[in-house]
Structures are given as C-alpha cells and as structure tokens.
Amino acid sequence: MRVIIILTICFIYISITVSAFSYKEYDIYNISDNTVETKNFYIAGFANSSPVILGIAPIVDINLKKKNKNYKLYFINFENDKIHVMDIPMYSIQQYMFDNEDKMLFLIGNKLTTLAVINMSDYSYTELSKVEYGRNSFRFFGLIWSEGPNIYTTGYYMDEKQNATDDFIVRLEFQGQEKNIKFINTGFNLTNFKDKFNPINFVILNHQKVAFIANKGGGQYLGITDKDLSLNKVDEGQTFSSLSFSHDYILYGIKKNNKIYYSLYDYNLQKIYLQREINFPPSYNFISRDSSSIIISDLKPKSMRMDVYVGKKENDYNLKKVISDEIWGHIKISRDGKYFVYALKNGKVRVYKI
C-alpha cells in the first residue's frame, strides 16, 4: 500500500473571526492533484476526538488505477495543517466510521459489498468482508455505527448462491486482531419495519430504536419503533424536514397549523424538549453526538444559497446566524459540537469553530 505523507503546508488558509465564530478556509484544488477527479472531491466528516476531517476523491490517473488504486483519502489536520494522503483499492465508498479512539477507520464500499478497515497508526488497509459468489456473505445497507465498545451495521445475509434474507441490524464480532468478522443478528428486522410503516425517511437511533417519518391522512407523523414494531408517535403535522439525532435528542423541523418550528425530542425520556417557531423552512438539520450544538440551514431553492444558524445547549438552543447568503454547500458537525465544516460547490472548504 502506497502511503504519501505530506508534512508541509501545500495550500493557503485564512483565519477569520466572525463574532464568536471563526474559520479556516482551504481550497480542494490546492489540496489535491491531477491524479483525482476534483469535481467529486468531498468532505466525509470529522474524526471523533482529533482535529481531523476526512476528504475523499476518486482517482482518474490510469497508471494508479492499473495498480488497483481507485480512491484517495485525505486526513486533514486543521490544527497543525498537516495532511496524510493514501490510495486504496476501493472503487466506491458509501460510508465511513472512525472508532471511538480514532485508531481505526472503517469503510463500507464497492457498492455496499465490502467492509474494510484502515489502521490509523500505520495507514494499513485490510478488507474484512466482501460479497463473493459461492460463499456465505453479508451485503451492507450502508450504515455503520458504534455503541460503547460494540459496532453495528445493517444489511442482509446471502448464501453461496446469493439468495438474500431480509434486512437486519447486526452486531460485528471481531476475531483474530479484527481480520475475521462475524455478523451477529440482533433480531431487528428492517424489512418488516419498512413493510409495516412505509417510512418516507428514517434514522437508526441505536440497535434497539428507529425513528421515522410516514404519511397519515393528508399529513405526516414522526414515530419511533423497536424490533417488536410497536409505535410511539412523537409528533404530527403537515410536513417534516430531515431528521438528525444525538445520544439524547432527535432534531427535526415541522410545519403544522401553517407555522414552522424546529424541535428537539428527548427519545430517552420520551418527551419533546423544545419546539420553537421560526420564519423559514429548515432544510438541513444537524446535531452533535453529545447534544451540545445544533445547526439549522435555510436553503433558498431559486438562488441555491444558504443561511446557516447555530444553537448551543448552554443557551437553550437559541439560534444565531453564522453564515449569510452563501453558496450552497455540504455541512458536517463534529461529535463534540465544537466545529462544523462547510464544503462549498466552488471547491472551498471552511472549518468553523463554534
């Protein structure tokens, strides 16, 4: 495995203070080179505890592809501005997850057929599981997450002739220094869940609970269910926006009685923590895993520009505008709620300190 470690700053960044918020700005065209397809360079998100964001880009250089190098990973440390770059054989990447200590990076890819791990101490790449005809295997649904020391994923089992079971939530069991893996069925049947509730959108809160939006009587409702498929109806209205969740809350936008709100539902205590009226439809909502910060975005479809608001738990999640009328971009928030990254369509990447 060829690993390139860049120890010097190869790009220019700027640091700007805006009220209580500041950011560094990077340009992906300075970070990457002509071996990758820069228009498809994207920021996947943050490591859990270190000041690192993960960038991903497909390789187009024919000489590298002949060596089975298909994607580049960029580990960008926004504190010391060092970048580690490595090539991997995966030809597509659908999901990633750093373990709790940022020692391992798990990747689901190759059109949901392959699970691989990167050891962050030496950047070695190891395939843990892949779908193969003639062998029992597991195909992924595209999610992977941790709960304490345990790691979970979703997907379905396949026999040697690739006959498939229903979709399930499963726990990963590692053996032999994580090179052998078993998929332990938790009994949560996602196929039965989808058949029963016909969700428009859903998120897996943990291996025991799923939150979802579904239609009902000309409107919509937000519900939570478990593997027994009992229903806990959380809220209902005309429409809902995207769902985001932390260890404590589900963050969502809702329109009801022709008014628009952003809401936090405490799914451990089973009650709405707050529901506050706003004057715009919340397009993209994010909450940090520790519940310390929320992000609400107002996307203007005609101009494809956005306003972005941040709320802090210490201020009862009152919103403060931090980005005004900016080019539409992708947003990711750090697990501890201290940073968020805004990746613009023009190739700029901004890391904001909240």
Protein backbone atom coordinates (compact mmCIF):
# COMPACT_ATOMS: atom_id res chain seq x y z
CA MET A 1 0.00 0.00 0.00
CA ARG A 2 1.47 3.30 -1.07
CA VAL A 3 1.05 5.99 1.57
CA ILE A 4 2.03 9.59 0.91
CA ILE A 5 2.58 11.71 3.99
CA ILE A 6 2.72 15.44 3.38
CA LEU A 7 4.43 17.17 6.27
CA THR A 8 4.46 20.70 4.93
CA ILE A 9 1.64 23.09 4.20
CA CYS A 10 0.81 22.83 0.49
CA PHE A 11 -2.08 25.25 0.48
CA ILE A 12 -3.06 28.63 1.78
CA TYR A 13 -5.60 29.03 4.55
CA ILE A 14 -7.17 32.09 6.07
CA SER A 15 -8.35 32.56 9.61
CA ILE A 16 -11.20 34.99 10.15
CA THR A 17 -13.08 35.91 13.29
CA VAL A 18 -16.81 36.48 12.95
CA SER A 19 -18.38 37.34 16.29
CA ALA A 20 -17.87 34.24 18.48
CA PHE A 21 -17.17 32.07 15.41
CA SER A 22 -14.03 31.65 13.34
CA TYR A 23 -12.95 29.53 10.43
CA LYS A 24 -10.09 28.27 8.35
CA GLU A 25 -10.57 28.07 4.61
CA TYR A 26 -8.97 25.51 2.33
CA ASP A 27 -9.12 25.02 -1.43
CA ILE A 28 -9.50 21.44 -2.63
CA TYR A 29 -7.62 22.33 -5.81
CA ASN A 30 -4.55 23.07 -3.68
CA ILE A 31 -5.04 20.00 -1.50
CA SER A 32 -5.47 17.53 -4.37
CA ASP A 33 -3.62 16.98 -7.65
CA ASN A 34 -4.38 15.88 -11.20
CA THR A 35 -4.48 12.19 -10.25
CA VAL A 36 -8.00 12.60 -8.84
CA GLU A 37 -11.35 13.85 -10.10
CA THR A 38 -11.54 17.13 -8.20
CA LYS A 39 -15.20 17.81 -9.03
CA ASN A 40 -16.09 14.70 -7.00
CA PHE A 41 -13.81 15.53 -4.05
CA TYR A 42 -15.97 15.64 -0.93
CA ILE A 43 -15.59 16.04 2.82
CA ALA A 44 -16.94 12.95 4.57
CA GLY A 45 -16.76 14.37 8.09
CA PHE A 46 -14.75 14.56 11.30
CA ALA A 47 -12.74 12.08 13.28
CA ASN A 48 -14.26 11.59 16.72
CA SER A 49 -11.74 13.21 19.05
CA SER A 50 -8.86 14.51 16.96
CA PRO A 51 -8.88 17.75 14.91
CA VAL A 52 -9.07 15.86 11.62
CA ILE A 53 -11.51 15.96 8.72
CA LEU A 54 -11.64 13.19 6.15
CA GLY A 55 -11.67 14.09 2.45
CA ILE A 56 -12.31 11.55 -0.30
CA ALA A 57 -11.78 11.71 -4.07
CA PRO A 58 -11.87 9.14 -6.91
CA ILE A 59 -8.60 8.50 -8.73
CA VAL A 60 -8.57 9.04 -12.50
CA ASP A 61 -4.85 8.53 -13.16
CA ILE A 62 -4.65 5.44 -15.38
CA ASN A 63 -1.25 4.34 -14.04
CA LEU A 64 -2.55 4.30 -10.47
CA LYS A 65 -5.74 2.51 -11.49
CA LYS A 66 -3.65 -0.21 -13.15
CA LYS A 67 -2.12 -0.76 -9.70
CA ASN A 68 -5.61 -1.12 -8.19
CA LYS A 69 -5.51 2.36 -6.62
CA ASN A 70 -9.02 3.75 -7.09
CA TYR A 71 -9.66 6.29 -4.31
CA LYS A 72 -7.57 8.79 -2.36
CA LEU A 73 -8.23 9.54 1.29
CA TYR A 74 -7.12 12.89 2.74
CA PHE A 75 -6.70 13.19 6.51
CA ILE A 76 -6.61 16.96 7.04
CA ASN A 77 -5.48 18.14 10.46
CA PHE A 78 -6.88 21.65 10.77
CA GLU A 79 -4.82 22.47 13.88
CA ASN A 80 -1.33 21.86 12.50
CA ASP A 81 -2.29 21.90 8.79
CA LYS A 82 -0.64 18.57 8.02
CA ILE A 83 -2.24 16.22 5.54
CA HIS A 84 -1.85 12.46 5.20
CA VAL A 85 -2.85 11.09 1.81
CA MET A 86 -3.27 7.44 0.91
CA ASP A 87 -4.54 5.40 -2.03
CA ILE A 88 -6.93 2.50 -1.52
CA PRO A 89 -8.30 -0.19 -3.88
CA MET A 90 -11.98 0.51 -3.18
CA TYR A 91 -13.68 1.75 -6.36
CA SER A 92 -16.59 3.39 -4.49
CA ILE A 93 -17.19 4.43 -0.87
CA GLN A 94 -20.66 4.56 0.68
CA GLN A 95 -19.98 5.05 4.41
CA TYR A 96 -17.20 5.55 6.92
CA MET A 97 -16.77 5.40 10.70
CA PHE A 98 -13.85 6.15 12.99
CA ASP A 99 -13.80 4.01 16.11
CA ASN A 100 -14.21 5.76 19.47
CA GLU A 101 -10.47 6.28 19.91
CA ASP A 102 -9.75 7.18 16.27
CA LYS A 103 -7.43 4.20 15.99
CA MET A 104 -9.39 2.55 13.17
CA LEU A 105 -11.30 3.88 10.18
CA PHE A 106 -13.99 1.52 8.85
CA LEU A 107 -15.15 1.89 5.25
CA ILE A 108 -18.17 0.37 3.51
CA GLY A 109 -17.74 0.44 -0.25
CA ASN A 110 -17.66 -1.27 -3.63
CA LYS A 111 -21.42 -0.74 -3.98
CA LEU A 112 -22.12 -1.98 -0.43
CA THR A 113 -20.33 -5.29 -0.91
CA THR A 114 -17.13 -4.67 1.04
CA LEU A 115 -16.11 -3.72 4.59
CA ALA A 116 -12.50 -2.60 5.07
CA VAL A 117 -10.53 -1.07 7.93
CA ILE A 118 -7.59 1.33 7.99
CA ASN A 119 -5.24 1.17 10.95
CA MET A 120 -4.57 4.84 11.71
CA SER A 121 -1.19 4.13 13.31
CA ASP A 122 0.41 2.97 10.05
CA TYR A 123 -2.35 3.61 7.47
CA SER A 124 -2.52 -0.05 6.52
CA TYR A 125 -5.62 -1.18 4.62
CA THR A 126 -7.34 -4.54 5.28
CA GLU A 127 -10.51 -5.98 3.78
CA LEU A 128 -12.66 -7.60 6.46
CA SER A 129 -15.64 -8.80 4.45
CA LYS A 130 -16.82 -8.90 0.86
CA VAL A 131 -19.61 -10.49 -1.11
CA GLU A 132 -18.40 -13.46 -3.13
CA TYR A 133 -20.36 -15.93 -5.20
CA GLY A 134 -20.03 -19.46 -3.83
CA ARG A 135 -19.62 -18.35 -0.22
CA ASN A 136 -21.96 -17.24 2.54
CA SER A 137 -21.60 -13.48 2.87
CA PHE A 138 -23.20 -10.24 4.03
CA ARG A 139 -24.22 -7.24 1.92
CA PHE A 140 -24.48 -3.86 3.61
CA PHE A 141 -27.34 -1.41 3.68
CA GLY A 142 -24.88 1.48 4.05
CA LEU A 143 -24.77 2.31 7.77
CA ILE A 144 -22.16 1.59 10.42
CA TRP A 145 -22.03 2.98 13.96
CA SER A 146 -20.72 2.32 17.46
CA GLU A 147 -22.46 1.98 20.81
CA GLY A 148 -19.84 1.85 23.52
CA PRO A 149 -17.39 -0.93 22.60
CA ASN A 150 -19.79 -2.54 20.10
CA ILE A 151 -20.07 -1.79 16.38
CA TYR A 152 -23.30 -2.28 14.44
CA THR A 153 -24.27 -2.23 10.80
CA THR A 154 -27.28 -3.04 8.63
CA GLY A 155 -27.80 -5.30 5.65
CA TYR A 156 -28.74 -8.80 4.65
CA TYR A 157 -27.22 -12.26 4.67
CA MET A 158 -26.53 -14.09 1.40
CA ASP A 159 -25.95 -17.79 0.85
CA GLU A 160 -23.44 -19.30 -1.58
CA LYS A 161 -25.89 -18.78 -4.48
CA GLN A 162 -26.54 -15.19 -3.33
CA ASN A 163 -30.10 -15.80 -2.17
CA ALA A 164 -30.80 -13.00 0.29
CA THR A 165 -32.57 -12.73 3.64
CA ASP A 166 -34.46 -9.71 4.93
CA ASP A 167 -32.54 -6.61 6.07
CA PHE A 168 -31.40 -6.72 9.70
CA ILE A 169 -29.47 -4.69 12.26
CA VAL A 170 -26.41 -6.77 13.14
CA ARG A 171 -23.51 -6.52 15.56
CA LEU A 172 -19.97 -7.01 14.31
CA GLU A 173 -17.90 -9.54 16.23
CA PHE A 174 -14.17 -9.43 15.54
CA GLN A 175 -11.74 -12.30 15.94
CA GLY A 176 -8.01 -12.57 15.36
CA GLN A 177 -6.98 -8.91 15.54
CA GLU A 178 -10.08 -7.80 13.62
CA LYS A 179 -9.18 -9.76 10.47
CA ASN A 180 -12.01 -12.26 10.94
CA ILE A 181 -15.52 -10.96 11.36
CA LYS A 182 -18.94 -12.37 12.22
CA PHE A 183 -22.30 -10.67 11.72
CA ILE A 184 -24.46 -11.35 14.78
CA ASN A 185 -28.17 -10.82 14.13
CA THR A 186 -29.85 -8.58 16.74
CA GLY A 187 -33.32 -9.69 15.61
CA PHE A 188 -34.32 -6.19 14.44
CA ASN A 189 -35.92 -6.90 11.04
CA LEU A 190 -35.77 -3.70 8.97
CA THR A 191 -37.69 -5.25 6.07
CA ASN A 192 -40.68 -5.88 8.35
CA PHE A 193 -40.32 -2.36 9.72
CA LYS A 194 -40.45 -0.81 6.23
CA ASP A 195 -43.35 -3.02 5.17
CA LYS A 196 -45.41 -2.07 8.24
CA PHE A 197 -44.82 1.69 8.40
CA ASN A 198 -43.85 2.59 4.80
CA PRO A 199 -41.49 5.35 6.00
CA ILE A 200 -40.67 8.39 3.90
CA ASN A 201 -37.44 8.77 5.83
CA PHE A 202 -35.90 7.01 8.82
CA VAL A 203 -32.80 7.06 11.04
CA ILE A 204 -31.47 4.30 13.26
CA LEU A 205 -31.03 5.81 16.74
CA ASN A 206 -29.36 2.68 18.10
CA HIS A 207 -29.64 -1.07 17.64
CA GLN A 208 -32.96 -1.03 19.54
CA LYS A 209 -34.75 2.08 18.19
CA VAL A 210 -35.60 3.53 14.80
CA ALA A 211 -37.18 6.95 14.22
CA PHE A 212 -39.12 7.60 11.03
CA ILE A 213 -41.48 9.92 9.16
CA ALA A 214 -44.58 8.48 7.49
CA ASN A 215 -47.72 9.75 5.81
CA LYS A 216 -51.10 9.83 7.54
CA GLY A 217 -54.41 11.36 6.46
CA GLY A 218 -53.04 14.13 4.27
CA GLY A 219 -50.26 14.94 6.72
CA GLN A 220 -47.22 13.28 8.23
CA TYR A 221 -46.11 12.00 11.60
CA LEU A 222 -42.84 11.27 13.37
CA GLY A 223 -42.69 7.93 15.14
CA ILE A 224 -40.26 5.67 16.96
CA THR A 225 -40.34 1.89 16.95
CA ASP A 226 -38.30 -1.05 18.23
CA LYS A 227 -37.75 -4.59 16.97
CA ASP A 228 -41.23 -5.55 18.20
CA LEU A 229 -42.56 -2.82 15.83
CA SER A 230 -44.68 -1.11 18.46
CA LEU A 231 -45.36 2.57 17.67
CA ASN A 232 -44.55 5.59 19.81
CA LYS A 233 -45.95 8.60 17.93
CA VAL A 234 -43.80 11.66 18.68
CA ASP A 235 -45.37 14.49 16.67
CA GLU A 236 -47.58 15.12 13.66
CA GLY A 237 -48.11 17.95 11.23
CA GLN A 238 -48.32 18.90 7.58
CA THR A 239 -44.67 18.16 6.68
CA PHE A 240 -41.34 17.35 8.32
CA SER A 241 -37.78 18.21 7.34
CA SER A 242 -34.76 15.93 7.57
CA LEU A 243 -34.01 14.08 10.81
CA SER A 244 -30.79 14.33 12.79
CA PHE A 245 -30.05 12.74 16.14
CA SER A 246 -27.64 12.62 19.06
CA HIS A 247 -27.32 10.31 22.05
CA ASP A 248 -30.25 12.19 23.60
CA TYR A 249 -32.36 14.03 21.04
CA ILE A 250 -33.96 13.86 17.63
CA LEU A 251 -33.70 17.22 15.84
CA TYR A 252 -36.35 17.93 13.21
CA GLY A 253 -38.26 20.72 11.53
CA ILE A 254 -42.05 20.58 11.32
CA LYS A 255 -44.84 22.58 9.71
CA LYS A 256 -48.20 22.40 11.49
CA ASN A 257 -51.15 24.77 11.58
CA ASN A 258 -49.28 26.68 8.84
CA LYS A 259 -46.46 27.56 11.24
CA ILE A 260 -42.88 26.27 11.09
CA TYR A 261 -40.89 25.01 14.07
CA TYR A 262 -37.61 23.38 14.89
CA SER A 263 -37.88 20.75 17.59
CA LEU A 264 -35.83 18.55 19.86
CA TYR A 265 -37.37 15.33 21.10
CA ASP A 266 -35.73 13.51 24.03
CA TYR A 267 -36.11 9.87 23.00
CA ASN A 268 -34.73 8.56 26.29
CA LEU A 269 -37.27 10.46 28.41
CA GLN A 270 -39.89 10.24 25.62
CA LYS A 271 -40.91 13.90 25.60
CA ILE A 272 -40.46 16.99 23.43
CA TYR A 273 -37.63 19.02 24.94
CA LEU A 274 -38.38 22.18 22.94
CA GLN A 275 -40.41 23.33 19.96
CA ARG A 276 -39.63 26.84 18.75
CA GLU A 277 -41.21 28.78 15.90
CA ILE A 278 -39.03 30.11 13.06
CA ASN A 279 -39.79 32.05 9.89
CA PHE A 280 -38.14 29.74 7.33
CA PRO A 281 -38.29 26.03 6.44
CA PRO A 282 -35.27 24.26 7.99
CA SER A 283 -33.66 22.47 5.05
CA TYR A 284 -30.68 20.67 6.58
CA ASN A 285 -30.53 19.97 10.32
CA PHE A 286 -27.57 18.66 12.30
CA ILE A 287 -26.91 17.92 15.96
CA SER A 288 -23.61 16.89 17.53
CA ARG A 289 -23.48 13.45 19.09
CA ASP A 290 -23.02 14.96 22.55
CA SER A 291 -26.06 17.26 22.01
CA SER A 292 -24.03 20.42 22.72
CA SER A 293 -24.68 22.10 19.35
CA ILE A 294 -27.31 22.17 16.62
CA ILE A 295 -27.17 23.56 13.09
CA ILE A 296 -30.24 24.71 11.17
CA SER A 297 -29.92 25.69 7.50
CA ASP A 298 -32.18 27.81 5.31
CA LEU A 299 -31.70 26.85 1.66
CA LYS A 300 -33.20 29.22 -0.90
CA PRO A 301 -34.06 26.97 -3.88
CA LYS A 302 -34.19 29.70 -6.54
CA SER A 303 -30.73 31.10 -5.82
CA MET A 304 -29.26 27.89 -4.27
CA ARG A 305 -27.77 29.97 -1.48
CA MET A 306 -27.98 29.29 2.24
CA ASP A 307 -28.15 30.92 5.63
CA VAL A 308 -26.79 28.80 8.46
CA TYR A 309 -27.73 29.10 12.14
CA VAL A 310 -26.09 27.57 15.21
CA GLY A 311 -27.70 26.86 18.58
CA LYS A 312 -25.85 25.86 21.74
CA LYS A 313 -27.28 23.82 24.59
CA GLU A 314 -25.79 26.28 27.10
CA ASN A 315 -28.02 28.95 25.51
CA ASP A 316 -31.10 26.69 25.33
CA TYR A 317 -30.53 26.17 21.59
CA ASN A 318 -31.46 29.73 20.61
CA LEU A 319 -30.34 30.22 17.03
CA LYS A 320 -27.61 32.62 15.90
CA LYS A 321 -26.84 33.21 12.21
CA VAL A 322 -23.22 32.37 11.39
CA ILE A 323 -23.34 32.18 7.58
CA SER A 324 -25.42 34.54 5.46
CA ASP A 325 -26.47 34.10 1.82
CA GLU A 326 -23.60 31.77 0.93
CA ILE A 327 -23.26 29.37 -2.00
CA TRP A 328 -24.96 26.07 -1.18
CA GLY A 329 -22.64 23.51 0.38
CA HIS A 330 -22.42 20.33 2.41
CA ILE A 331 -22.29 20.56 6.21
CA LYS A 332 -20.82 18.18 8.79
CA ILE A 333 -20.64 18.76 12.56
CA SER A 334 -18.05 17.34 14.93
CA ARG A 335 -19.03 14.81 17.55
CA ASP A 336 -18.24 17.23 20.41
CA GLY A 337 -20.10 20.14 18.80
CA LYS A 338 -17.03 22.39 18.75
CA TYR A 339 -16.63 22.57 14.97
CA PHE A 340 -18.52 22.27 11.75
CA VAL A 341 -17.26 22.08 8.21
CA TYR A 342 -18.91 23.81 5.25
CA ALA A 343 -17.83 22.44 1.87
CA LEU A 344 -18.89 24.78 -0.92
CA LYS A 345 -19.58 23.80 -4.51
CA ASN A 346 -16.79 26.12 -5.72
CA GLY A 347 -14.10 23.99 -4.08
CA LYS A 348 -13.71 25.96 -0.85
CA VAL A 349 -13.80 24.09 2.45
CA ARG A 350 -14.33 26.06 5.65
CA VAL A 351 -13.86 24.70 9.15
CA TYR A 352 -15.79 26.80 11.68
CA LYS A 353 -15.02 26.83 15.38
CA ILE A 354 -18.25 27.36 17.28
